[in-house]
C-alpha atoms as a PDB file:
ATOM      1  CA  UNK A   1     -23.927 100.282  20.525  1.00  0.00           C
ATOM      2  CA  UNK A   2     -20.789 101.815  22.692  1.00  0.00           C
ATOM      3  CA  UNK A   3     -20.313 104.083  25.706  1.00  0.00           C
ATOM      4  CA  UNK A   4     -18.262 106.981  26.071  1.00  0.00           C
ATOM      5  CA  UNK A   5     -17.319 109.603  27.601  1.00  0.00           C
ATOM      6  CA  UNK A   6     -19.518 113.183  26.362  1.00  0.00           C
ATOM      7  CA  UNK A   7     -15.797 114.624  25.234  1.00  0.00           C
ATOM      8  CA  UNK A   8     -14.954 111.207  23.414  1.00  0.00           C
ATOM      9  CA  UNK A   9     -17.391 112.272  20.441  1.00  0.00           C
ATOM     10  CA  UNK A  10     -16.513 113.829  17.823  1.00  0.00           C
ATOM     11  CA  UNK A  11     -18.628 116.255  15.662  1.00  0.00           C
ATOM     12  CA  UNK A  12     -17.952 113.898  12.421  1.00  0.00           C
ATOM     13  CA  UNK A  13     -19.838 111.007  14.311  1.00  0.00           C
ATOM     14  CA  UNK A  14     -22.615 109.697  11.825  1.00  0.00           C
ATOM     15  CA  UNK A  15     -24.373 108.050  15.063  1.00  0.00           C
ATOM     16  CA  UNK A  16     -27.339 108.518  17.543  1.00  0.00           C
ATOM     17  CA  UNK A  17     -26.313 110.424  20.519  1.00  0.00           C
ATOM     18  CA  UNK A  18     -28.242 109.823  24.453  1.00  0.00           C
ATOM     19  CA  UNK A  19     -26.644 110.560  27.304  1.00  0.00           C
ATOM     20  CA  UNK A  20     -27.530 108.554  30.597  1.00  0.00           C
ATOM     21  CA  UNK A  21     -26.982 109.652  34.207  1.00  0.00           C
ATOM     22  CA  UNK A  22     -27.516 106.444  36.550  1.00  0.00           C
ATOM     23  CA  UNK A  23     -29.780 107.730  39.829  1.00  0.00           C
ATOM     24  CA  UNK A  24     -28.830 105.731  42.955  1.00  0.00           C
ATOM     25  CA  UNK A  25     -29.905 104.075  46.762  1.00  0.00           C
ATOM     26  CA  UNK A  26     -27.922 104.141  49.633  1.00  0.00           C
ATOM     27  CA  UNK A  27     -26.065 101.085  48.838  1.00  0.00           C
ATOM     28  CA  UNK A  28     -24.359 102.731  45.647  1.00  0.00           C
ATOM     29  CA  UNK A  29     -27.336 100.328  43.651  1.00  0.00           C
ATOM     30  CA  UNK A  30     -28.947 102.186  40.710  1.00  0.00           C
ATOM     31  CA  UNK A  31     -32.438 102.495  40.396  1.00  0.00           C
ATOM     32  CA  UNK A  32     -32.909 104.368  37.216  1.00  0.00           C
ATOM     33  CA  UNK A  33     -31.043 106.597  34.588  1.00  0.00           C
ATOM     34  CA  UNK A  34     -31.860 109.749  33.579  1.00  0.00           C
ATOM     35  CA  UNK A  35     -31.740 110.505  30.002  1.00  0.00           C
ATOM     36  CA  UNK A  36     -30.349 113.483  28.147  1.00  0.00           C
ATOM     37  CA  UNK A  37     -30.433 114.202  24.196  1.00  0.00           C
ATOM     38  CA  UNK A  38     -27.615 115.020  22.592  1.00  0.00           C
ATOM     39  CA  UNK A  39     -26.884 116.714  18.916  1.00  0.00           C
ATOM     40  CA  UNK A  40     -24.231 115.808  16.698  1.00  0.00           C
ATOM     41  CA  UNK A  41     -21.741 117.542  18.308  1.00  0.00           C
ATOM     42  CA  UNK A  42     -22.140 116.163  21.650  1.00  0.00           C
ATOM     43  CA  UNK A  43     -23.867 119.539  23.437  1.00  0.00           C
ATOM     44  CA  UNK A  44     -26.916 119.397  24.809  1.00  0.00           C
ATOM     45  CA  UNK A  45     -30.000 120.125  22.820  1.00  0.00           C
ATOM     46  CA  UNK A  46     -31.533 123.764  23.374  1.00  0.00           C
ATOM     47  CA  UNK A  47     -35.414 122.820  22.334  1.00  0.00           C
ATOM     48  CA  UNK A  48     -37.520 120.704  25.296  1.00  0.00           C
ATOM     49  CA  UNK A  49     -39.627 119.347  22.586  1.00  0.00           C
ATOM     50  CA  UNK A  50     -37.054 118.102  20.614  1.00  0.00           C
ATOM     51  CA  UNK A  51     -35.146 116.487  23.682  1.00  0.00           C
ATOM     52  CA  UNK A  52     -38.181 114.617  24.750  1.00  0.00           C
ATOM     53  CA  UNK A  53     -39.374 113.672  21.211  1.00  0.00           C
ATOM     54  CA  UNK A  54     -36.097 112.648  20.272  1.00  0.00           C
ATOM     55  CA  UNK A  55     -34.943 110.277  24.002  1.00  0.00           C
ATOM     56  CA  UNK A  56     -38.754 108.649  23.435  1.00  0.00           C
ATOM     57  CA  UNK A  57     -38.188 107.742  19.547  1.00  0.00           C
ATOM     58  CA  UNK A  58     -34.443 106.633  19.814  1.00  0.00           C
ATOM     59  CA  UNK A  59     -34.652 105.085  23.053  1.00  0.00           C
ATOM     60  CA  UNK A  60     -37.126 102.321  21.943  1.00  0.00           C
ATOM     61  CA  UNK A  61     -36.757 102.449  17.611  1.00  0.00           C
ATOM     62  CA  UNK A  62     -32.793 102.464  17.975  1.00  0.00           C
ATOM     63  CA  UNK A  63     -30.782 100.829  21.089  1.00  0.00           C
ATOM     64  CA  UNK A  64     -31.272  98.039  22.846  1.00  0.00           C
ATOM     65  CA  UNK A  65     -33.055  98.838  26.032  1.00  0.00           C
ATOM     66  CA  UNK A  66     -31.266  96.227  28.112  1.00  0.00           C
ATOM     67  CA  UNK A  67     -27.455  97.886  27.305  1.00  0.00           C
ATOM     68  CA  UNK A  68     -29.231 101.176  27.837  1.00  0.00           C
ATOM     69  CA  UNK A  69     -31.349 100.412  30.872  1.00  0.00           C
ATOM     70  CA  UNK A  70     -30.140  97.443  32.381  1.00  0.00           C
ATOM     71  CA  UNK A  71     -33.451  96.533  33.002  1.00  0.00           C
ATOM     72  CA  UNK A  72     -34.207 100.228  34.877  1.00  0.00           C
ATOM     73  CA  UNK A  73     -36.754 102.644  34.397  1.00  0.00           C
ATOM     74  CA  UNK A  74     -35.719 106.058  32.552  1.00  0.00           C
ATOM     75  CA  UNK A  75     -36.478 109.131  33.794  1.00  0.00           C
ATOM     76  CA  UNK A  76     -37.305 111.840  30.636  1.00  0.00           C
ATOM     77  CA  UNK A  77     -37.795 115.420  31.253  1.00  0.00           C
ATOM     78  CA  UNK A  78     -40.879 117.285  30.239  1.00  0.00           C
ATOM     79  CA  UNK A  79     -42.518 120.531  31.117  1.00  0.00           C
ATOM     80  CA  UNK A  80     -45.760 121.482  31.396  1.00  0.00           C
ATOM     81  CA  UNK A  81     -45.798 123.315  28.102  1.00  0.00           C
ATOM     82  CA  UNK A  82     -43.656 120.606  25.982  1.00  0.00           C
ATOM     83  CA  UNK A  83     -45.882 117.935  27.131  1.00  0.00           C
ATOM     84  CA  UNK A  84     -48.297 115.318  25.074  1.00  0.00           C
ATOM     85  CA  UNK A  85     -50.084 113.044  27.132  1.00  0.00           C
ATOM     86  CA  UNK A  86     -50.997 111.283  24.210  1.00  0.00           C
ATOM     87  CA  UNK A  87     -47.976 110.774  22.948  1.00  0.00           C
ATOM     88  CA  UNK A  88     -46.606 109.526  25.527  1.00  0.00           C
ATOM     89  CA  UNK A  89     -49.033 106.609  26.581  1.00  0.00           C
ATOM     90  CA  UNK A  90     -47.296 104.736  23.550  1.00  0.00           C
ATOM     91  CA  UNK A  91     -44.517 104.050  25.380  1.00  0.00           C
ATOM     92  CA  UNK A  92     -44.361 101.032  28.257  1.00  0.00           C
ATOM     93  CA  UNK A  93     -45.584 102.777  31.817  1.00  0.00           C
ATOM     94  CA  UNK A  94     -43.297 100.128  33.890  1.00  0.00           C
ATOM     95  CA  UNK A  95     -40.161 101.614  31.669  1.00  0.00           C
ATOM     96  CA  UNK A  96     -40.893 105.068  31.534  1.00  0.00           C
ATOM     97  CA  UNK A  97     -40.910 107.708  34.932  1.00  0.00           C
ATOM     98  CA  UNK A  98     -41.929 111.269  33.191  1.00  0.00           C
ATOM     99  CA  UNK A  99     -39.673 113.966  35.403  1.00  0.00           C
ATOM    100  CA  UNK A 100     -41.800 117.382  35.146  1.00  0.00           C
ATOM    101  CA  UNK A 101     -40.145 120.953  35.299  1.00  0.00           C
ATOM    102  CA  UNK A 102     -43.475 123.108  36.452  1.00  0.00           C
ATOM    103  CA  UNK A 103     -42.554 126.561  36.909  1.00  0.00           C
ATOM    104  CA  UNK A 104     -45.666 127.804  37.019  1.00  0.00           C
ATOM    105  CA  UNK A 105     -49.463 126.522  38.698  1.00  0.00           C
ATOM    106  CA  UNK A 106     -50.671 123.778  36.615  1.00  0.00           C
ATOM    107  CA  UNK A 107     -53.588 123.893  34.752  1.00  0.00           C
ATOM    108  CA  UNK A 108     -56.440 121.831  35.671  1.00  0.00           C
ATOM    109  CA  UNK A 109     -56.484 120.450  31.921  1.00  0.00           C
ATOM    110  CA  UNK A 110     -52.715 119.473  32.714  1.00  0.00           C
ATOM    111  CA  UNK A 111     -53.327 117.947  36.076  1.00  0.00           C
ATOM    112  CA  UNK A 112     -55.658 115.450  34.592  1.00  0.00           C
ATOM    113  CA  UNK A 113     -53.282 114.701  31.711  1.00  0.00           C
ATOM    114  CA  UNK A 114     -51.276 113.229  34.771  1.00  0.00           C
ATOM    115  CA  UNK A 115     -53.772 111.700  36.616  1.00  0.00           C
ATOM    116  CA  UNK A 116     -54.386 109.867  33.423  1.00  0.00           C
ATOM    117  CA  UNK A 117     -51.094 108.877  33.009  1.00  0.00           C
ATOM    118  CA  UNK A 118     -51.210 107.579  36.780  1.00  0.00           C
ATOM    119  CA  UNK A 119     -54.097 105.313  35.977  1.00  0.00           C
ATOM    120  CA  UNK A 120     -52.282 104.133  33.141  1.00  0.00           C
ATOM    121  CA  UNK A 121     -49.701 103.253  35.664  1.00  0.00           C
ATOM    122  CA  UNK A 122     -47.297 105.386  35.380  1.00  0.00           C
ATOM    123  CA  UNK A 123     -44.553 106.312  38.189  1.00  0.00           C
ATOM    124  CA  UNK A 124     -44.545 110.704  37.933  1.00  0.00           C
ATOM    125  CA  UNK A 125     -41.481 112.189  38.855  1.00  0.00           C
ATOM    126  CA  UNK A 126     -41.377 116.789  40.361  1.00  0.00           C
ATOM    127  CA  UNK A 127     -38.204 117.780  39.120  1.00  0.00           C
ATOM    128  CA  UNK A 128     -36.473 121.334  40.559  1.00  0.00           C
ATOM    129  CA  UNK A 129     -39.302 121.468  43.273  1.00  0.00           C
ATOM    130  CA  UNK A 130     -38.869 124.218  45.543  1.00  0.00           C
ATOM    131  CA  UNK A 131     -41.707 123.951  48.070  1.00  0.00           C
ATOM    132  CA  UNK A 132     -43.870 126.260  45.892  1.00  0.00           C
ATOM    133  CA  UNK A 133     -48.287 126.044  46.640  1.00  0.00           C
ATOM    134  CA  UNK A 134     -48.390 124.017  43.654  1.00  0.00           C
ATOM    135  CA  UNK A 135     -44.903 121.980  44.025  1.00  0.00           C
ATOM    136  CA  UNK A 136     -46.930 120.883  47.390  1.00  0.00           C
ATOM    137  CA  UNK A 137     -50.192 120.099  45.735  1.00  0.00           C
ATOM    138  CA  UNK A 138     -48.430 117.703  43.620  1.00  0.00           C
ATOM    139  CA  UNK A 139     -46.852 115.910  46.477  1.00  0.00           C
ATOM    140  CA  UNK A 140     -49.597 113.366  46.237  1.00  0.00           C
ATOM    141  CA  UNK A 141     -50.008 112.698  42.827  1.00  0.00           C
ATOM    142  CA  UNK A 142     -45.715 112.070  41.915  1.00  0.00           C
ATOM    143  CA  UNK A 143     -43.917 109.113  42.752  1.00  0.00           C
ATOM    144  CA  UNK A 144     -40.384 110.730  43.095  1.00  0.00           C
ATOM    145  CA  UNK A 145     -39.313 114.660  44.215  1.00  0.00           C
ATOM    146  CA  UNK A 146     -36.119 115.592  42.387  1.00  0.00           C
ATOM    147  CA  UNK A 147     -34.239 118.550  44.661  1.00  0.00           C
ATOM    148  CA  UNK A 148     -31.823 120.707  43.345  1.00  0.00           C
ATOM    149  CA  UNK A 149     -28.383 120.161  46.178  1.00  0.00           C
ATOM    150  CA  UNK A 150     -25.688 122.653  44.042  1.00  0.00           C
ATOM    151  CA  UNK A 151     -27.906 125.618  43.504  1.00  0.00           C
ATOM    152  CA  UNK A 152     -29.740 125.597  46.496  1.00  0.00           C
ATOM    153  CA  UNK A 153     -28.441 126.257  50.111  1.00  0.00           C
ATOM    154  CA  UNK A 154     -28.400 123.160  52.370  1.00  0.00           C
ATOM    155  CA  UNK A 155     -30.767 124.797  54.551  1.00  0.00           C
ATOM    156  CA  UNK A 156     -33.084 125.427  52.245  1.00  0.00           C
ATOM    157  CA  UNK A 157     -33.321 121.935  51.074  1.00  0.00           C
ATOM    158  CA  UNK A 158     -32.844 120.255  54.160  1.00  0.00           C
ATOM    159  CA  UNK A 159     -35.859 122.617  55.056  1.00  0.00           C
ATOM    160  CA  UNK A 160     -37.713 120.883  51.852  1.00  0.00           C
ATOM    161  CA  UNK A 161     -37.132 117.297  52.603  1.00  0.00           C
ATOM    162  CA  UNK A 162     -39.021 118.260  56.082  1.00  0.00           C
ATOM    163  CA  UNK A 163     -41.692 119.794  54.619  1.00  0.00           C
ATOM    164  CA  UNK A 164     -42.011 116.617  52.304  1.00  0.00           C
ATOM    165  CA  UNK A 165     -42.026 114.119  55.200  1.00  0.00           C
ATOM    166  CA  UNK A 166     -43.755 115.750  57.780  1.00  0.00           C
ATOM    167  CA  UNK A 167     -46.368 116.183  55.108  1.00  0.00           C
ATOM    168  CA  UNK A 168     -49.560 114.425  55.692  1.00  0.00           C
ATOM    169  CA  UNK A 169     -49.804 112.178  52.884  1.00  0.00           C
ATOM    170  CA  UNK A 170     -50.871 108.659  53.107  1.00  0.00           C
ATOM    171  CA  UNK A 171     -48.133 108.059  50.830  1.00  0.00           C
ATOM    172  CA  UNK A 172     -44.843 109.905  50.723  1.00  0.00           C
ATOM    173  CA  UNK A 173     -42.635 110.414  47.419  1.00  0.00           C
ATOM    174  CA  UNK A 174     -39.355 109.216  47.223  1.00  0.00           C
ATOM    175  CA  UNK A 175     -36.909 111.987  47.542  1.00  0.00           C
ATOM    176  CA  UNK A 176     -34.053 112.035  44.660  1.00  0.00           C
ATOM    177  CA  UNK A 177     -31.197 114.369  45.456  1.00  0.00           C
ATOM    178  CA  UNK A 178     -29.725 115.763  42.267  1.00  0.00           C
ATOM    179  CA  UNK A 179     -26.369 117.860  41.230  1.00  0.00           C
ATOM    180  CA  UNK A 180     -24.430 115.882  43.963  1.00  0.00           C
ATOM    181  CA  UNK A 181     -20.780 116.753  43.183  1.00  0.00           C
ATOM    182  CA  UNK A 182     -18.640 115.562  46.099  1.00  0.00           C
ATOM    183  CA  UNK A 183     -19.107 112.501  48.686  1.00  0.00           C
ATOM    184  CA  UNK A 184     -19.230 115.360  51.339  1.00  0.00           C
ATOM    185  CA  UNK A 185     -22.512 116.763  50.220  1.00  0.00           C
ATOM    186  CA  UNK A 186     -23.835 112.976  49.171  1.00  0.00           C
ATOM    187  CA  UNK A 187     -23.058 112.117  52.857  1.00  0.00           C
ATOM    188  CA  UNK A 188     -24.812 114.886  54.139  1.00  0.00           C
ATOM    189  CA  UNK A 189     -28.255 114.412  51.866  1.00  0.00           C
ATOM    190  CA  UNK A 190     -28.497 110.668  52.614  1.00  0.00           C
ATOM    191  CA  UNK A 191     -28.416 111.892  56.476  1.00  0.00           C
ATOM    192  CA  UNK A 192     -30.825 114.638  55.806  1.00  0.00           C
ATOM    193  CA  UNK A 193     -33.334 111.911  54.283  1.00  0.00           C
ATOM    194  CA  UNK A 194     -33.491 111.486  50.531  1.00  0.00           C
ATOM    195  CA  UNK A 195     -33.898 108.288  49.484  1.00  0.00           C
ATOM    196  CA  UNK A 196     -31.929 108.571  46.278  1.00  0.00           C
ATOM    197  CA  UNK A 197     -29.013 110.437  44.838  1.00  0.00           C
ATOM    198  CA  UNK A 198     -27.915 111.540  41.289  1.00  0.00           C
ATOM    199  CA  UNK A 199     -24.543 114.164  40.519  1.00  0.00           C
ATOM    200  CA  UNK A 200     -21.271 114.010  38.834  1.00  0.00           C
ATOM    201  CA  UNK A 201     -19.691 113.053  42.228  1.00  0.00           C
ATOM    202  CA  UNK A 202     -21.475 109.055  41.048  1.00  0.00           C
ATOM    203  CA  UNK A 203     -21.185 109.157  37.498  1.00  0.00           C
ATOM    204  CA  UNK A 204     -21.362 111.947  35.069  1.00  0.00           C
ATOM    205  CA  UNK A 205     -23.772 111.993  32.004  1.00  0.00           C
ATOM    206  CA  UNK A 206     -22.112 109.353  30.065  1.00  0.00           C
ATOM    207  CA  UNK A 207     -22.408 109.480  26.512  1.00  0.00           C
ATOM    208  CA  UNK A 208     -24.260 105.780  24.468  1.00  0.00           C
ATOM    209  CA  UNK A 209     -23.754 105.852  20.801  1.00  0.00           C
ATOM    210  CA  UNK A 210     -26.690 104.498  18.338  1.00  0.00           C
ATOM    211  CA  UNK A 211     -26.635 103.205  14.559  1.00  0.00           C
ATOM    212  CA  UNK A 212     -28.059 106.279  12.645  1.00  0.00           C
ATOM    213  CA  UNK A 213     -31.441 105.352  11.285  1.00  0.00           C
ATOM    214  CA  UNK A 214     -32.470 107.786   8.519  1.00  0.00           C
ATOM    215  CA  UNK A 215     -36.224 107.996   7.253  1.00  0.00           C
ATOM    216  CA  UNK A 216     -37.351 109.856   4.516  1.00  0.00           C
ATOM    217  CA  UNK A 217     -39.233 112.912   5.498  1.00  0.00           C
ATOM    218  CA  UNK A 218     -41.514 112.608   2.191  1.00  0.00           C
ATOM    219  CA  UNK A 219     -42.871 108.971   3.255  1.00  0.00           C
ATOM    220  CA  UNK A 220     -43.703 109.888   6.784  1.00  0.00           C
ATOM    221  CA  UNK A 221     -45.769 112.751   5.417  1.00  0.00           C
ATOM    222  CA  UNK A 222     -46.796 110.465   2.583  1.00  0.00           C
ATOM    223  CA  UNK A 223     -47.724 107.587   5.014  1.00  0.00           C
ATOM    224  CA  UNK A 224     -50.030 110.263   7.685  1.00  0.00           C
ATOM    225  CA  UNK A 225     -51.673 111.903   4.277  1.00  0.00           C
ATOM    226  CA  UNK A 226     -52.753 107.673   3.910  1.00  0.00           C
ATOM    227  CA  UNK A 227     -54.275 107.601   7.563  1.00  0.00           C
ATOM    228  CA  UNK A 228     -55.705 111.340   7.107  1.00  0.00           C
ATOM    229  CA  UNK A 229     -57.471 109.601   3.951  1.00  0.00           C
ATOM    230  CA  UNK A 230     -58.726 106.456   5.773  1.00  0.00           C
ATOM    231  CA  UNK A 231     -56.888 104.629   3.113  1.00  0.00           C
ATOM    232  CA  UNK A 232     -56.739 100.499   3.494  1.00  0.00           C
ATOM    233  CA  UNK A 233     -53.849  98.899   5.444  1.00  0.00           C
ATOM    234  CA  UNK A 234     -52.157  97.162   2.064  1.00  0.00           C
ATOM    235  CA  UNK A 235     -51.458 101.143   0.874  1.00  0.00           C
ATOM    236  CA  UNK A 236     -50.032 102.215   4.118  1.00  0.00           C
ATOM    237  CA  UNK A 237     -48.030  98.481   4.478  1.00  0.00           C
ATOM    238  CA  UNK A 238     -47.087  99.738   0.543  1.00  0.00           C
ATOM    239  CA  UNK A 239     -45.807 102.855   1.835  1.00  0.00           C
ATOM    240  CA  UNK A 240     -43.554 101.232   4.296  1.00  0.00           C
ATOM    241  CA  UNK A 241     -42.077  98.421   2.855  1.00  0.00           C
ATOM    242  CA  UNK A 242     -40.608 101.246   0.410  1.00  0.00           C
ATOM    243  CA  UNK A 243     -38.584 102.562   3.520  1.00  0.00           C
ATOM    244  CA  UNK A 244     -36.308  99.509   5.278  1.00  0.00           C
ATOM    245  CA  UNK A 245     -34.744 101.902   7.882  1.00  0.00           C
ATOM    246  CA  UNK A 246     -39.047 103.843   8.878  1.00  0.00           C
ATOM    247  CA  UNK A 247     -39.960  99.651   8.798  1.00  0.00           C
ATOM    248  CA  UNK A 248     -37.226  98.650  10.746  1.00  0.00           C
ATOM    249  CA  UNK A 249     -38.046 101.542  13.152  1.00  0.00           C
ATOM    250  CA  UNK A 250     -41.375 100.418  13.750  1.00  0.00           C
ATOM    251  CA  UNK A 251     -40.481  96.598  14.167  1.00  0.00           C
ATOM    252  CA  UNK A 252     -38.060  97.538  16.805  1.00  0.00           C
ATOM    253  CA  UNK A 253     -40.658  99.659  18.461  1.00  0.00           C
ATOM    254  CA  UNK A 254     -43.087  97.607  18.618  1.00  0.00           C
ATOM    255  CA  UNK A 255     -41.096  94.266  20.114  1.00  0.00           C
ATOM    256  CA  UNK A 256     -39.006  96.838  22.699  1.00  0.00           C
ATOM    257  CA  UNK A 257     -41.648  98.669  24.168  1.00  0.00           C
ATOM    258  CA  UNK A 258     -43.451  95.843  25.587  1.00  0.00           C
ATOM    259  CA  UNK A 259     -46.617  95.843  23.659  1.00  0.00           C
ATOM    260  CA  UNK A 260     -46.424  92.083  21.713  1.00  0.00           C
ATOM    261  CA  UNK A 261     -46.932  90.186  25.099  1.00  0.00           C
ATOM    262  CA  UNK A 262     -44.084  87.909  24.008  1.00  0.00           C
ATOM    263  CA  UNK A 263     -45.041  87.579  20.702  1.00  0.00           C
ATOM    264  CA  UNK A 264     -42.126  88.670  18.172  1.00  0.00           C
ATOM    265  CA  UNK A 265     -44.042  91.007  15.748  1.00  0.00           C
ATOM    266  CA  UNK A 266     -42.052  90.251  11.788  1.00  0.00           C
ATOM    267  CA  UNK A 267     -44.202  91.710   9.501  1.00  0.00           C
ATOM    268  CA  UNK A 268     -45.278  95.758   8.513  1.00  0.00           C
ATOM    269  CA  UNK A 269     -48.725  94.735   8.504  1.00  0.00           C
ATOM    270  CA  UNK A 270     -48.880  92.406  11.442  1.00  0.00           C
ATOM    271  CA  UNK A 271     -47.290  95.781  13.001  1.00  0.00           C
ATOM    272  CA  UNK A 272     -49.673  97.870  11.455  1.00  0.00           C
ATOM    273  CA  UNK A 273     -52.808  95.878  13.210  1.00  0.00           C
ATOM    274  CA  UNK A 274     -51.481  95.580  16.282  1.00  0.00           C
ATOM    275  CA  UNK A 275     -50.464  99.467  16.674  1.00  0.00           C
ATOM    276  CA  UNK A 276     -53.429 101.220  15.154  1.00  0.00           C
ATOM    277  CA  UNK A 277     -54.378 103.795  13.211  1.00  0.00           C
ATOM    278  CA  UNK A 278     -54.143 106.669  15.612  1.00  0.00           C
ATOM    279  CA  UNK A 279     -51.168 105.624  17.481  1.00  0.00           C
ATOM    280  CA  UNK A 280     -49.379 104.647  14.197  1.00  0.00           C
ATOM    281  CA  UNK A 281     -50.169 108.945  13.334  1.00  0.00           C
ATOM    282  CA  UNK A 282     -48.842 110.194  16.760  1.00  0.00           C
ATOM    283  CA  UNK A 283     -45.330 107.741  16.425  1.00  0.00           C
ATOM    284  CA  UNK A 284     -45.126 108.747  12.823  1.00  0.00           C
ATOM    285  CA  UNK A 285     -45.516 112.691  13.742  1.00  0.00           C
ATOM    286  CA  UNK A 286     -42.820 112.065  17.027  1.00  0.00           C
ATOM    287  CA  UNK A 287     -40.822 110.365  14.688  1.00  0.00           C
ATOM    288  CA  UNK A 288     -40.585 113.739  12.335  1.00  0.00           C
ATOM    289  CA  UNK A 289     -39.483 115.840  15.510  1.00  0.00           C
ATOM    290  CA  UNK A 290     -37.004 113.337  16.726  1.00  0.00           C
ATOM    291  CA  UNK A 291     -35.349 113.505  13.049  1.00  0.00           C
ATOM    292  CA  UNK A 292     -31.664 114.429  13.257  1.00  0.00           C
ATOM    293  CA  UNK A 293     -30.852 118.169  13.466  1.00  0.00           C
ATOM    294  CA  UNK A 294     -31.763 120.655  16.076  1.00  0.00           C
ATOM    295  CA  UNK A 295     -33.970 123.385  14.773  1.00  0.00           C
ATOM    296  CA  UNK A 296     -38.197 122.672  14.763  1.00  0.00           C
ATOM    297  CA  UNK A 297     -39.532 123.588  11.346  1.00  0.00           C
ATOM    298  CA  UNK A 298     -43.052 124.960  10.055  1.00  0.00           C
ATOM    299  CA  UNK A 299     -42.999 121.838   8.031  1.00  0.00           C
ATOM    300  CA  UNK A 300     -43.291 119.630  11.029  1.00  0.00           C
ATOM    301  CA  UNK A 301     -45.576 121.411  12.993  1.00  0.00           C
ATOM    302  CA  UNK A 302     -47.744 121.323  10.040  1.00  0.00           C
ATOM    303  CA  UNK A 303     -47.145 117.587  10.307  1.00  0.00           C
ATOM    304  CA  UNK A 304     -48.422 117.261  13.970  1.00  0.00           C
ATOM    305  CA  UNK A 305     -51.471 119.635  13.043  1.00  0.00           C
ATOM    306  CA  UNK A 306     -52.116 117.166  10.691  1.00  0.00           C
ATOM    307  CA  UNK A 307     -51.884 114.063  12.883  1.00  0.00           C
ATOM    308  CA  UNK A 308     -54.018 116.009  15.725  1.00  0.00           C
ATOM    309  CA  UNK A 309     -56.879 117.018  13.126  1.00  0.00           C
ATOM    310  CA  UNK A 310     -56.361 113.325  11.736  1.00  0.00           C
ATOM    311  CA  UNK A 311     -57.028 111.904  15.486  1.00  0.00           C
ATOM    312  CA  UNK A 312     -59.729 114.680  16.157  1.00  0.00           C
END
């Protein structure tokens, strides 16, 4: 795996691409990285669901976590419309901080999902805070508030910071200034009371290359059907054995996701027993959405529907 500037990636590179941008404290210490999906030509991916799926799957199935994150948590973007809390539960709470962009009043169901994630130990972030009533209501749930300091005037975001600091909460969320592009803006943000800062002044998004691991989609569909029909573990194990790339990704995911309690998982059978059928269905479906390409297709939608029926 190697680190490169965005402009150095050519469309011909047959590698997985993820971009990272550091989030820093007052002493320029890195407290985490925001991760972004990139397609094969190094541009941002447009579909928000594909972005989230690809970042999650590739972070834990392709990359070396220590090299990518250096022991820091990953902030990964979601919206309340492209969010699946069951898929998120496949990943370690200590390593992933879901970052939500919420542009309308969230539903009761969505709030319930957030509270469930909180119970599981996830720290939550609210992106693009604008002081709306539903943003203010979420202050008691989230751990991080991110404020865009480029698209809003200093007077506006300074007022939001005061609003957050003066709210009567037992615990105030940490405030992250985003899109900080100059030294003057960085200094003003910290003087206004932000806890952390992120932007081009500190670091442009850094492209991280990972080796491409392709999986036969027919194998994944076959596995989903085997799981749906409740076939024995031996049949599922044999299907995995016919696809070494898929087998590697499953083992890499389990051994990097903090699920093995220090025990190295070396066999597919051991991995299947540890993971369980329903989480495996969700992982395989997420893997389909994270496969190379930038457009969702009807066949992927069908796969997601099958997996959901199997889970129910």
